[in-house]
Amino acid sequence: MNPVGTAPIFQNMVSPLPRARQRHAALIACLFIAAILFGSAIAGSAVLHVFGVSIDAFRAAGGVIIGAMGYNMLRGAKSEEHERLADEVAIRENLLIPFAMPLVAGPGTITTMITLATNGTGPVPWVALVAAGAGVVATGLCLLAVLEAGKYFSRDLQRIFTRFMGLILMAMGMQFLLMGAAAVVGSAIPESAAN
């Protein structure tokens, strides 16, 4: 998890909302992140196994989603009309995907939760749950801090920052995609060589 790095992206996503609703959106985002992390710790391995999805494929798919979001930000898809007529339902949906997952609770974080839960002793994965709780609290504090700082930014500065964060998101998405694809190809080559 990278609360400091993802907080400005959150601020950009919720900037059309009034201040009170922005703080409410931060709470909603933290609840989504907590649900993903706790769910990963308790049943993540079983869920991936049921659907036959590898962590590497999940990482690659997340990269595509994050890259698409970054592209929209980079080309300035967030117009003045969008800022004036903010669709709170759409913003809330974006808080789940792609913000909570895969941006904050991405494949690496989910893998860590599953590993901590698997390596723990006893029926309840306490180490993983405590780690998830600490991550959610840190993320919540960063989100509230960036919202507080955001009110001192002019609208023009926010638009410039949106384009910059779009470029960063596209790069992150490409990194996720390349890492996932390389791992999938790397695991397939030894199998084909053995045949």
N, C-alpha and C. Protein backbone atom coordinates (compact mmCIF):
# COMPACT_ATOMS: atom_id res chain seq x y z
N MET A 1 0.84 -1.19 0.00
CA MET A 1 0.00 0.00 0.00
C MET A 1 0.88 1.24 0.00
N ASN A 2 0.39 2.28 -0.67
CA ASN A 2 1.13 3.53 -0.74
C ASN A 2 0.16 4.68 -0.46
N PRO A 3 -0.21 4.91 0.80
CA PRO A 3 -1.20 5.94 1.12
C PRO A 3 -0.78 7.34 0.67
N VAL A 4 0.51 7.65 0.82
CA VAL A 4 0.99 8.98 0.45
C VAL A 4 0.89 9.20 -1.06
N GLY A 5 1.22 8.19 -1.84
CA GLY A 5 1.20 8.31 -3.29
C GLY A 5 -0.20 8.31 -3.88
N THR A 6 -1.12 7.59 -3.24
CA THR A 6 -2.47 7.48 -3.80
C THR A 6 -3.42 8.56 -3.29
N ALA A 7 -3.08 9.24 -2.20
CA ALA A 7 -3.96 10.28 -1.66
C ALA A 7 -4.23 11.41 -2.65
N PRO A 8 -3.20 11.92 -3.38
CA PRO A 8 -3.51 12.97 -4.37
C PRO A 8 -4.44 12.50 -5.48
N ILE A 9 -4.37 11.23 -5.84
CA ILE A 9 -5.29 10.70 -6.85
C ILE A 9 -6.71 10.73 -6.32
N PHE A 10 -6.87 10.37 -5.05
CA PHE A 10 -8.18 10.43 -4.41
C PHE A 10 -8.70 11.87 -4.41
N GLN A 11 -7.85 12.81 -4.05
CA GLN A 11 -8.27 14.21 -4.00
C GLN A 11 -8.76 14.69 -5.35
N ASN A 12 -8.08 14.25 -6.41
CA ASN A 12 -8.49 14.61 -7.76
C ASN A 12 -9.84 14.00 -8.11
N MET A 13 -10.07 12.77 -7.68
CA MET A 13 -11.32 12.08 -8.00
C MET A 13 -12.53 12.75 -7.35
N VAL A 14 -12.36 13.20 -6.11
CA VAL A 14 -13.51 13.72 -5.36
C VAL A 14 -13.59 15.24 -5.39
N SER A 15 -12.69 15.91 -6.12
CA SER A 15 -12.67 17.38 -6.12
C SER A 15 -13.99 18.03 -6.55
N PRO A 16 -14.82 17.38 -7.42
CA PRO A 16 -16.09 18.03 -7.75
C PRO A 16 -17.09 18.09 -6.59
N LEU A 17 -16.88 17.31 -5.56
CA LEU A 17 -17.84 17.23 -4.46
C LEU A 17 -17.63 18.36 -3.46
N PRO A 18 -18.69 18.73 -2.73
CA PRO A 18 -18.51 19.68 -1.62
C PRO A 18 -17.58 19.10 -0.55
N ARG A 19 -17.01 19.97 0.29
CA ARG A 19 -16.03 19.54 1.28
C ARG A 19 -16.55 18.43 2.19
N ALA A 20 -17.78 18.59 2.67
CA ALA A 20 -18.33 17.58 3.59
C ALA A 20 -18.46 16.23 2.90
N ARG A 21 -18.87 16.25 1.63
CA ARG A 21 -19.02 14.99 0.90
C ARG A 21 -17.66 14.39 0.57
N GLN A 22 -16.63 15.21 0.43
CA GLN A 22 -15.29 14.68 0.20
C GLN A 22 -14.81 13.87 1.40
N ARG A 23 -15.07 14.40 2.61
CA ARG A 23 -14.68 13.66 3.82
C ARG A 23 -15.48 12.37 3.94
N HIS A 24 -16.75 12.43 3.55
CA HIS A 24 -17.58 11.23 3.56
C HIS A 24 -17.04 10.21 2.56
N ALA A 25 -16.60 10.69 1.40
CA ALA A 25 -16.03 9.80 0.38
C ALA A 25 -14.75 9.15 0.90
N ALA A 26 -13.97 9.87 1.70
CA ALA A 26 -12.75 9.29 2.29
C ALA A 26 -13.11 8.13 3.21
N LEU A 27 -14.18 8.30 3.98
CA LEU A 27 -14.63 7.22 4.86
C LEU A 27 -15.10 6.02 4.05
N ILE A 28 -15.85 6.28 2.98
CA ILE A 28 -16.33 5.19 2.11
C ILE A 28 -15.15 4.44 1.49
N ALA A 29 -14.15 5.19 1.00
CA ALA A 29 -12.98 4.57 0.40
C ALA A 29 -12.26 3.67 1.41
N CYS A 30 -12.12 4.15 2.64
CA CYS A 30 -11.45 3.35 3.67
C CYS A 30 -12.25 2.09 4.00
N LEU A 31 -13.57 2.19 3.99
CA LEU A 31 -14.41 1.00 4.22
C LEU A 31 -14.22 -0.02 3.10
N PHE A 32 -14.17 0.46 1.85
CA PHE A 32 -13.93 -0.43 0.72
C PHE A 32 -12.57 -1.12 0.86
N ILE A 33 -11.54 -0.33 1.19
CA ILE A 33 -10.19 -0.89 1.32
C ILE A 33 -10.15 -1.92 2.44
N ALA A 34 -10.80 -1.60 3.57
CA ALA A 34 -10.84 -2.53 4.70
C ALA A 34 -11.52 -3.84 4.31
N ALA A 35 -12.64 -3.73 3.59
CA ALA A 35 -13.36 -4.94 3.18
C ALA A 35 -12.49 -5.81 2.26
N ILE A 36 -11.76 -5.17 1.34
CA ILE A 36 -10.90 -5.91 0.42
C ILE A 36 -9.77 -6.60 1.17
N LEU A 37 -9.12 -5.86 2.08
CA LEU A 37 -7.98 -6.42 2.80
C LEU A 37 -8.41 -7.52 3.77
N PHE A 38 -9.47 -7.28 4.53
CA PHE A 38 -9.94 -8.31 5.46
C PHE A 38 -10.44 -9.54 4.71
N GLY A 39 -11.14 -9.29 3.60
CA GLY A 39 -11.62 -10.41 2.79
C GLY A 39 -10.47 -11.21 2.20
N SER A 40 -9.40 -10.50 1.79
CA SER A 40 -8.22 -11.19 1.25
C SER A 40 -7.55 -12.04 2.31
N ALA A 41 -7.46 -11.50 3.53
CA ALA A 41 -6.82 -12.24 4.61
C ALA A 41 -7.61 -13.49 4.99
N ILE A 42 -8.93 -13.38 4.93
CA ILE A 42 -9.76 -14.50 5.40
C ILE A 42 -10.02 -15.52 4.28
N ALA A 43 -10.33 -15.02 3.08
CA ALA A 43 -10.75 -15.95 2.03
C ALA A 43 -10.13 -15.67 0.68
N GLY A 44 -9.07 -14.85 0.61
CA GLY A 44 -8.51 -14.46 -0.68
C GLY A 44 -7.99 -15.62 -1.50
N SER A 45 -7.24 -16.51 -0.87
CA SER A 45 -6.67 -17.64 -1.59
C SER A 45 -7.75 -18.54 -2.17
N ALA A 46 -8.79 -18.79 -1.39
CA ALA A 46 -9.88 -19.66 -1.84
C ALA A 46 -10.64 -19.03 -3.01
N VAL A 47 -10.87 -17.71 -2.95
CA VAL A 47 -11.61 -17.03 -4.02
C VAL A 47 -10.85 -17.09 -5.33
N LEU A 48 -9.55 -16.79 -5.29
CA LEU A 48 -8.74 -16.85 -6.51
C LEU A 48 -8.71 -18.26 -7.08
N HIS A 49 -8.64 -19.25 -6.19
CA HIS A 49 -8.61 -20.65 -6.64
C HIS A 49 -9.93 -21.04 -7.31
N VAL A 50 -11.05 -20.59 -6.73
CA VAL A 50 -12.37 -20.94 -7.30
C VAL A 50 -12.51 -20.41 -8.72
N PHE A 51 -12.06 -19.16 -8.94
CA PHE A 51 -12.19 -18.56 -10.27
C PHE A 51 -11.03 -18.90 -11.19
N GLY A 52 -10.03 -19.59 -10.68
CA GLY A 52 -8.89 -19.96 -11.51
C GLY A 52 -8.06 -18.78 -11.97
N VAL A 53 -7.99 -17.74 -11.14
CA VAL A 53 -7.27 -16.52 -11.49
C VAL A 53 -5.96 -16.47 -10.70
N SER A 54 -4.87 -16.22 -11.41
CA SER A 54 -3.58 -16.08 -10.73
C SER A 54 -3.39 -14.62 -10.31
N ILE A 55 -2.51 -14.42 -9.35
CA ILE A 55 -2.19 -13.06 -8.92
C ILE A 55 -1.58 -12.26 -10.07
N ASP A 56 -0.79 -12.93 -10.91
CA ASP A 56 -0.16 -12.23 -12.04
C ASP A 56 -1.19 -11.75 -13.06
N ALA A 57 -2.19 -12.58 -13.35
CA ALA A 57 -3.26 -12.16 -14.26
C ALA A 57 -4.06 -11.02 -13.64
N PHE A 58 -4.28 -11.09 -12.34
CA PHE A 58 -4.99 -10.02 -11.62
C PHE A 58 -4.21 -8.72 -11.70
N ARG A 59 -2.89 -8.82 -11.56
CA ARG A 59 -2.03 -7.63 -11.65
C ARG A 59 -2.10 -7.01 -13.05
N ALA A 60 -2.07 -7.84 -14.09
CA ALA A 60 -2.12 -7.34 -15.46
C ALA A 60 -3.46 -6.65 -15.74
N ALA A 61 -4.56 -7.26 -15.28
CA ALA A 61 -5.88 -6.65 -15.48
C ALA A 61 -5.98 -5.32 -14.74
N GLY A 62 -5.44 -5.28 -13.53
CA GLY A 62 -5.43 -4.03 -12.78
C GLY A 62 -4.64 -2.95 -13.50
N GLY A 63 -3.55 -3.33 -14.14
CA GLY A 63 -2.76 -2.37 -14.90
C GLY A 63 -3.54 -1.74 -16.04
N VAL A 64 -4.35 -2.54 -16.71
CA VAL A 64 -5.18 -2.01 -17.81
C VAL A 64 -6.17 -0.98 -17.27
N ILE A 65 -6.81 -1.29 -16.14
CA ILE A 65 -7.82 -0.39 -15.56
C ILE A 65 -7.17 0.92 -15.11
N ILE A 66 -6.04 0.82 -14.42
CA ILE A 66 -5.36 2.02 -13.93
C ILE A 66 -4.86 2.86 -15.11
N GLY A 67 -4.33 2.20 -16.14
CA GLY A 67 -3.85 2.92 -17.30
C GLY A 67 -4.97 3.68 -18.02
N ALA A 68 -6.14 3.06 -18.12
CA ALA A 68 -7.28 3.72 -18.76
C ALA A 68 -7.72 4.94 -17.97
N MET A 69 -7.72 4.82 -16.65
CA MET A 69 -8.08 5.96 -15.81
C MET A 69 -7.07 7.09 -15.98
N GLY A 70 -5.78 6.73 -16.02
CA GLY A 70 -4.75 7.74 -16.21
C GLY A 70 -4.86 8.43 -17.55
N TYR A 71 -5.22 7.69 -18.59
CA TYR A 71 -5.37 8.28 -19.92
C TYR A 71 -6.49 9.32 -19.92
N ASN A 72 -7.61 9.00 -19.28
CA ASN A 72 -8.72 9.96 -19.21
C ASN A 72 -8.31 11.23 -18.46
N MET A 73 -7.53 11.07 -17.40
CA MET A 73 -7.06 12.25 -16.66
C MET A 73 -6.07 13.05 -17.49
N LEU A 74 -5.20 12.37 -18.22
CA LEU A 74 -4.16 13.04 -18.99
C LEU A 74 -4.74 13.88 -20.12
N ARG A 75 -5.79 13.40 -20.75
CA ARG A 75 -6.38 14.16 -21.87
C ARG A 75 -7.42 15.17 -21.41
N GLY A 76 -7.57 15.32 -20.08
CA GLY A 76 -8.48 16.35 -19.55
C GLY A 76 -9.93 16.00 -19.71
N ALA A 77 -10.28 14.73 -19.54
CA ALA A 77 -11.67 14.33 -19.71
C ALA A 77 -12.57 14.93 -18.65
N LYS A 78 -11.99 15.40 -17.55
CA LYS A 78 -12.77 15.99 -16.49
C LYS A 78 -13.03 17.46 -16.82
N SER A 79 -14.16 17.74 -17.42
CA SER A 79 -14.46 19.08 -17.92
C SER A 79 -15.08 19.94 -16.82
N GLU A 80 -15.27 21.22 -17.14
CA GLU A 80 -15.91 22.13 -16.18
C GLU A 80 -17.33 21.69 -15.90
N GLU A 81 -18.03 21.19 -16.91
CA GLU A 81 -19.40 20.73 -16.69
C GLU A 81 -19.40 19.55 -15.71
N HIS A 82 -18.42 18.67 -15.85
CA HIS A 82 -18.33 17.54 -14.92
C HIS A 82 -18.09 18.05 -13.50
N GLU A 83 -17.26 19.09 -13.37
CA GLU A 83 -16.99 19.64 -12.05
C GLU A 83 -18.23 20.30 -11.47
N ARG A 84 -19.06 20.90 -12.34
CA ARG A 84 -20.26 21.59 -11.87
C ARG A 84 -21.37 20.62 -11.54
N LEU A 85 -21.51 19.58 -12.34
CA LEU A 85 -22.58 18.60 -12.17
C LEU A 85 -21.96 17.26 -11.80
N ALA A 86 -21.34 17.22 -10.64
CA ALA A 86 -20.65 15.99 -10.22
C ALA A 86 -21.65 14.88 -9.96
N ASP A 87 -21.41 13.74 -10.57
CA ASP A 87 -22.24 12.56 -10.36
C ASP A 87 -21.66 11.79 -9.18
N GLU A 88 -22.27 11.96 -8.02
CA GLU A 88 -21.71 11.36 -6.82
C GLU A 88 -21.75 9.83 -6.89
N VAL A 89 -22.75 9.28 -7.58
CA VAL A 89 -22.82 7.83 -7.72
C VAL A 89 -21.62 7.31 -8.51
N ALA A 90 -21.29 7.99 -9.61
CA ALA A 90 -20.14 7.58 -10.42
C ALA A 90 -18.84 7.72 -9.63
N ILE A 91 -18.72 8.79 -8.86
CA ILE A 91 -17.52 8.99 -8.05
C ILE A 91 -17.39 7.87 -7.02
N ARG A 92 -18.52 7.49 -6.40
CA ARG A 92 -18.47 6.42 -5.41
C ARG A 92 -18.08 5.09 -6.05
N GLU A 93 -18.56 4.84 -7.27
CA GLU A 93 -18.16 3.62 -7.97
C GLU A 93 -16.66 3.63 -8.26
N ASN A 94 -16.12 4.78 -8.62
CA ASN A 94 -14.68 4.89 -8.88
C ASN A 94 -13.86 4.72 -7.60
N LEU A 95 -14.48 4.99 -6.46
CA LEU A 95 -13.76 4.78 -5.20
C LEU A 95 -13.51 3.29 -4.96
N LEU A 96 -14.43 2.46 -5.44
CA LEU A 96 -14.22 1.01 -5.29
C LEU A 96 -13.23 0.51 -6.33
N ILE A 97 -13.58 0.74 -7.60
CA ILE A 97 -12.70 0.36 -8.71
C ILE A 97 -12.57 1.58 -9.62
N PRO A 98 -11.40 2.12 -9.82
CA PRO A 98 -10.09 1.53 -9.58
C PRO A 98 -9.36 2.00 -8.32
N PHE A 99 -9.98 2.90 -7.49
CA PHE A 99 -9.17 3.45 -6.40
C PHE A 99 -8.86 2.42 -5.31
N ALA A 100 -9.91 1.90 -4.65
CA ALA A 100 -9.66 0.94 -3.56
C ALA A 100 -8.96 -0.30 -4.09
N MET A 101 -9.41 -0.77 -5.25
CA MET A 101 -8.80 -1.94 -5.88
C MET A 101 -8.82 -1.72 -7.39
N PRO A 102 -7.70 -1.72 -8.07
CA PRO A 102 -6.39 -2.23 -7.65
C PRO A 102 -5.38 -1.16 -7.25
N LEU A 103 -5.79 0.12 -7.13
CA LEU A 103 -4.79 1.16 -6.89
C LEU A 103 -4.21 1.09 -5.48
N VAL A 104 -5.06 1.05 -4.45
CA VAL A 104 -4.56 0.98 -3.07
C VAL A 104 -4.34 -0.48 -2.67
N ALA A 105 -5.41 -1.25 -2.71
CA ALA A 105 -5.31 -2.68 -2.38
C ALA A 105 -5.09 -3.44 -3.68
N GLY A 106 -3.88 -3.37 -4.18
CA GLY A 106 -3.54 -4.01 -5.45
C GLY A 106 -3.08 -5.44 -5.27
N PRO A 107 -2.63 -6.04 -6.35
CA PRO A 107 -2.20 -7.44 -6.30
C PRO A 107 -1.11 -7.71 -5.27
N GLY A 108 -0.15 -6.78 -5.15
CA GLY A 108 0.92 -6.97 -4.18
C GLY A 108 0.40 -6.97 -2.76
N THR A 109 -0.51 -6.05 -2.47
CA THR A 109 -1.09 -5.97 -1.12
C THR A 109 -1.94 -7.20 -0.83
N ILE A 110 -2.74 -7.62 -1.80
CA ILE A 110 -3.58 -8.80 -1.61
C ILE A 110 -2.73 -10.05 -1.43
N THR A 111 -1.65 -10.15 -2.21
CA THR A 111 -0.74 -11.29 -2.05
C THR A 111 -0.14 -11.30 -0.65
N THR A 112 0.25 -10.12 -0.15
CA THR A 112 0.81 -10.03 1.19
C THR A 112 -0.20 -10.47 2.24
N MET A 113 -1.46 -10.04 2.08
CA MET A 113 -2.50 -10.45 3.02
C MET A 113 -2.68 -11.97 3.03
N ILE A 114 -2.71 -12.55 1.82
CA ILE A 114 -2.88 -14.00 1.72
C ILE A 114 -1.69 -14.73 2.34
N THR A 115 -0.48 -14.22 2.08
CA THR A 115 0.72 -14.85 2.64
C THR A 115 0.74 -14.77 4.16
N LEU A 116 0.42 -13.60 4.71
CA LEU A 116 0.38 -13.45 6.16
C LEU A 116 -0.65 -14.37 6.79
N ALA A 117 -1.81 -14.48 6.13
CA ALA A 117 -2.86 -15.35 6.66
C ALA A 117 -2.46 -16.81 6.58
N THR A 118 -1.81 -17.20 5.49
CA THR A 118 -1.41 -18.60 5.30
C THR A 118 -0.32 -19.01 6.29
N ASN A 119 0.61 -18.08 6.56
CA ASN A 119 1.72 -18.39 7.45
C ASN A 119 1.37 -18.30 8.93
N GLY A 120 0.20 -17.74 9.23
CA GLY A 120 -0.20 -17.60 10.62
C GLY A 120 -0.63 -18.92 11.23
N THR A 121 -0.69 -18.92 12.55
CA THR A 121 -1.14 -20.12 13.27
C THR A 121 -2.52 -19.83 13.85
N GLY A 122 -3.34 -20.86 13.91
CA GLY A 122 -4.68 -20.70 14.46
C GLY A 122 -5.70 -20.42 13.38
N PRO A 123 -6.97 -20.49 13.74
CA PRO A 123 -8.04 -20.31 12.75
C PRO A 123 -8.24 -18.86 12.30
N VAL A 124 -7.83 -17.90 13.15
CA VAL A 124 -8.01 -16.48 12.81
C VAL A 124 -6.65 -15.88 12.46
N PRO A 125 -6.51 -15.29 11.26
CA PRO A 125 -5.21 -14.71 10.85
C PRO A 125 -4.99 -13.33 11.47
N TRP A 126 -4.68 -13.30 12.78
CA TRP A 126 -4.60 -12.04 13.50
C TRP A 126 -3.53 -11.11 12.94
N VAL A 127 -2.38 -11.65 12.56
CA VAL A 127 -1.29 -10.79 12.05
C VAL A 127 -1.74 -10.06 10.79
N ALA A 128 -2.38 -10.79 9.90
CA ALA A 128 -2.86 -10.18 8.65
C ALA A 128 -3.95 -9.14 8.93
N LEU A 129 -4.84 -9.42 9.86
CA LEU A 129 -5.93 -8.50 10.17
C LEU A 129 -5.40 -7.22 10.81
N VAL A 130 -4.42 -7.36 11.72
CA VAL A 130 -3.83 -6.17 12.35
C VAL A 130 -3.08 -5.34 11.31
N ALA A 131 -2.34 -6.00 10.42
CA ALA A 131 -1.62 -5.29 9.36
C ALA A 131 -2.60 -4.55 8.45
N ALA A 132 -3.71 -5.20 8.12
CA ALA A 132 -4.73 -4.56 7.27
C ALA A 132 -5.32 -3.34 7.98
N GLY A 133 -5.62 -3.49 9.27
CA GLY A 133 -6.17 -2.36 10.03
C GLY A 133 -5.23 -1.18 10.07
N ALA A 134 -3.94 -1.45 10.28
CA ALA A 134 -2.94 -0.38 10.31
C ALA A 134 -2.85 0.32 8.96
N GLY A 135 -2.92 -0.45 7.88
CA GLY A 135 -2.87 0.13 6.54
C GLY A 135 -4.07 1.01 6.25
N VAL A 136 -5.24 0.58 6.69
CA VAL A 136 -6.46 1.36 6.47
C VAL A 136 -6.41 2.67 7.25
N VAL A 137 -5.95 2.62 8.50
CA VAL A 137 -5.84 3.84 9.31
C VAL A 137 -4.86 4.82 8.68
N ALA A 138 -3.70 4.33 8.24
CA ALA A 138 -2.70 5.19 7.60
C ALA A 138 -3.27 5.82 6.33
N THR A 139 -4.00 5.02 5.55
CA THR A 139 -4.60 5.55 4.32
C THR A 139 -5.63 6.62 4.63
N GLY A 140 -6.47 6.37 5.63
CA GLY A 140 -7.49 7.35 6.01
C GLY A 140 -6.89 8.67 6.44
N LEU A 141 -5.82 8.63 7.22
CA LEU A 141 -5.16 9.86 7.66
C LEU A 141 -4.57 10.62 6.48
N CYS A 142 -3.99 9.91 5.53
CA CYS A 142 -3.42 10.56 4.34
C CYS A 142 -4.52 11.19 3.48
N LEU A 143 -5.65 10.49 3.35
CA LEU A 143 -6.76 11.04 2.54
C LEU A 143 -7.30 12.32 3.16
N LEU A 144 -7.49 12.33 4.48
CA LEU A 144 -8.00 13.52 5.15
C LEU A 144 -6.99 14.66 5.06
N ALA A 145 -5.70 14.35 5.16
CA ALA A 145 -4.66 15.38 5.09
C ALA A 145 -4.63 16.02 3.71
N VAL A 146 -4.75 15.21 2.66
CA VAL A 146 -4.68 15.77 1.30
C VAL A 146 -5.95 16.57 0.98
N LEU A 147 -7.08 16.19 1.56
CA LEU A 147 -8.30 16.99 1.38
C LEU A 147 -8.15 18.34 2.04
N GLU A 148 -7.53 18.36 3.22
CA GLU A 148 -7.31 19.63 3.91
C GLU A 148 -6.37 20.53 3.11
N ALA A 149 -5.32 19.95 2.55
CA ALA A 149 -4.37 20.74 1.76
C ALA A 149 -4.97 21.17 0.43
N GLY A 150 -5.90 20.36 -0.12
CA GLY A 150 -6.46 20.64 -1.43
C GLY A 150 -7.24 21.93 -1.52
N LYS A 151 -7.77 22.41 -0.41
CA LYS A 151 -8.58 23.63 -0.48
C LYS A 151 -7.73 24.88 -0.72
N TYR A 152 -6.42 24.74 -0.62
CA TYR A 152 -5.54 25.88 -0.89
C TYR A 152 -5.05 25.90 -2.34
N PHE A 153 -5.46 24.91 -3.15
CA PHE A 153 -5.04 24.86 -4.55
C PHE A 153 -6.06 25.59 -5.42
N SER A 154 -5.56 26.38 -6.37
CA SER A 154 -6.46 27.03 -7.32
C SER A 154 -6.99 26.00 -8.32
N ARG A 155 -8.05 26.39 -9.03
CA ARG A 155 -8.64 25.48 -10.01
C ARG A 155 -7.66 25.17 -11.14
N ASP A 156 -6.89 26.18 -11.57
CA ASP A 156 -5.90 25.94 -12.63
C ASP A 156 -4.81 24.99 -12.16
N LEU A 157 -4.36 25.17 -10.94
CA LEU A 157 -3.34 24.28 -10.39
C LEU A 157 -3.87 22.86 -10.28
N GLN A 158 -5.15 22.71 -9.92
CA GLN A 158 -5.74 21.38 -9.83
C GLN A 158 -5.81 20.72 -11.20
N ARG A 159 -6.10 21.51 -12.25
CA ARG A 159 -6.15 20.93 -13.60
C ARG A 159 -4.76 20.47 -14.05
N ILE A 160 -3.73 21.27 -13.77
CA ILE A 160 -2.37 20.87 -14.11
C ILE A 160 -1.99 19.61 -13.35
N PHE A 161 -2.34 19.58 -12.08
CA PHE A 161 -2.02 18.42 -11.24
C PHE A 161 -2.75 17.18 -11.74
N THR A 162 -3.99 17.37 -12.23
CA THR A 162 -4.75 16.25 -12.77
C THR A 162 -4.03 15.62 -13.96
N ARG A 163 -3.52 16.45 -14.86
CA ARG A 163 -2.80 15.93 -16.02
C ARG A 163 -1.53 15.19 -15.59
N PHE A 164 -0.82 15.76 -14.62
CA PHE A 164 0.40 15.12 -14.14
C PHE A 164 0.09 13.77 -13.51
N MET A 165 -0.94 13.72 -12.67
CA MET A 165 -1.30 12.46 -12.02
C MET A 165 -1.80 11.44 -13.06
N GLY A 166 -2.41 11.93 -14.15
CA GLY A 166 -2.82 11.03 -15.22
C GLY A 166 -1.62 10.33 -15.84
N LEU A 167 -0.54 11.09 -16.05
CA LEU A 167 0.68 10.50 -16.59
C LEU A 167 1.27 9.47 -15.62
N ILE A 168 1.27 9.80 -14.34
CA ILE A 168 1.78 8.87 -13.32
C ILE A 168 0.93 7.60 -13.31
N LEU A 169 -0.38 7.76 -13.38
CA LEU A 169 -1.26 6.59 -13.37
C LEU A 169 -1.05 5.71 -14.59
N MET A 170 -0.87 6.33 -15.75
CA MET A 170 -0.60 5.54 -16.95
C MET A 170 0.68 4.74 -16.80
N ALA A 171 1.71 5.37 -16.21
CA ALA A 171 2.98 4.66 -15.99
C ALA A 171 2.79 3.52 -14.99
N MET A 172 2.01 3.76 -13.94
CA MET A 172 1.75 2.69 -12.96
C MET A 172 0.99 1.54 -13.61
N GLY A 173 0.00 1.89 -14.42
CA GLY A 173 -0.77 0.85 -15.11
C GLY A 173 0.11 0.02 -16.03
N MET A 174 0.99 0.69 -16.76
CA MET A 174 1.91 -0.03 -17.65
C MET A 174 2.84 -0.94 -16.85
N GLN A 175 3.31 -0.45 -15.70
CA GLN A 175 4.19 -1.26 -14.85
C GLN A 175 3.47 -2.51 -14.36
N PHE A 176 2.22 -2.34 -13.89
CA PHE A 176 1.43 -3.49 -13.44
C PHE A 176 1.23 -4.48 -14.57
N LEU A 177 0.89 -3.96 -15.75
CA LEU A 177 0.62 -4.81 -16.90
C LEU A 177 1.87 -5.59 -17.30
N LEU A 178 3.01 -4.91 -17.38
CA LEU A 178 4.26 -5.57 -17.78
C LEU A 178 4.70 -6.61 -16.75
N MET A 179 4.57 -6.28 -15.46
CA MET A 179 4.96 -7.23 -14.42
C MET A 179 4.08 -8.49 -14.46
N GLY A 180 2.77 -8.27 -14.61
CA GLY A 180 1.86 -9.41 -14.68
C GLY A 180 2.10 -10.26 -15.91
N ALA A 181 2.26 -9.59 -17.07
CA ALA A 181 2.48 -10.33 -18.31
C ALA A 181 3.80 -11.07 -18.28
N ALA A 182 4.85 -10.44 -17.74
CA ALA A 182 6.17 -11.10 -17.68
C ALA A 182 6.12 -12.33 -16.80
N ALA A 183 5.38 -12.24 -15.68
CA ALA A 183 5.28 -13.39 -14.78
C ALA A 183 4.49 -14.53 -15.42
N VAL A 184 3.42 -14.18 -16.13
CA VAL A 184 2.62 -15.21 -16.80
C VAL A 184 3.43 -15.89 -17.90
N VAL A 185 4.14 -15.09 -18.72
CA VAL A 185 4.96 -15.66 -19.80
C VAL A 185 6.11 -16.48 -19.21
N GLY A 186 6.72 -15.96 -18.13
CA GLY A 186 7.83 -16.68 -17.51
C GLY A 186 7.42 -18.01 -16.95
N SER A 187 6.21 -18.11 -16.41
CA SER A 187 5.74 -19.38 -15.86
C SER A 187 5.31 -20.34 -16.97
N ALA A 188 4.94 -19.80 -18.14
CA ALA A 188 4.51 -20.66 -19.24
C ALA A 188 5.70 -21.24 -20.01
N ILE A 189 6.83 -20.51 -20.06
CA ILE A 189 7.97 -20.98 -20.83
C ILE A 189 8.57 -22.27 -20.30
N PRO A 190 8.82 -22.40 -18.98
CA PRO A 190 9.37 -23.68 -18.51
C PRO A 190 8.45 -24.85 -18.78
N GLU A 191 7.12 -24.65 -18.71
CA GLU A 191 6.19 -25.73 -18.98
C GLU A 191 6.28 -26.20 -20.42
N SER A 192 6.37 -25.21 -21.37
CA SER A 192 6.45 -25.57 -22.79
C SER A 192 7.82 -26.21 -23.10
N ALA A 193 8.88 -25.72 -22.39
CA ALA A 193 10.21 -26.28 -22.64
C ALA A 193 10.29 -27.72 -22.15
N ALA A 194 9.57 -27.98 -21.05
CA ALA A 194 9.58 -29.36 -20.52
C ALA A 194 8.86 -30.32 -21.46
N ASN A 195 7.88 -29.81 -22.20
CA ASN A 195 7.14 -30.67 -23.14
C ASN A 195 7.95 -30.82 -24.41
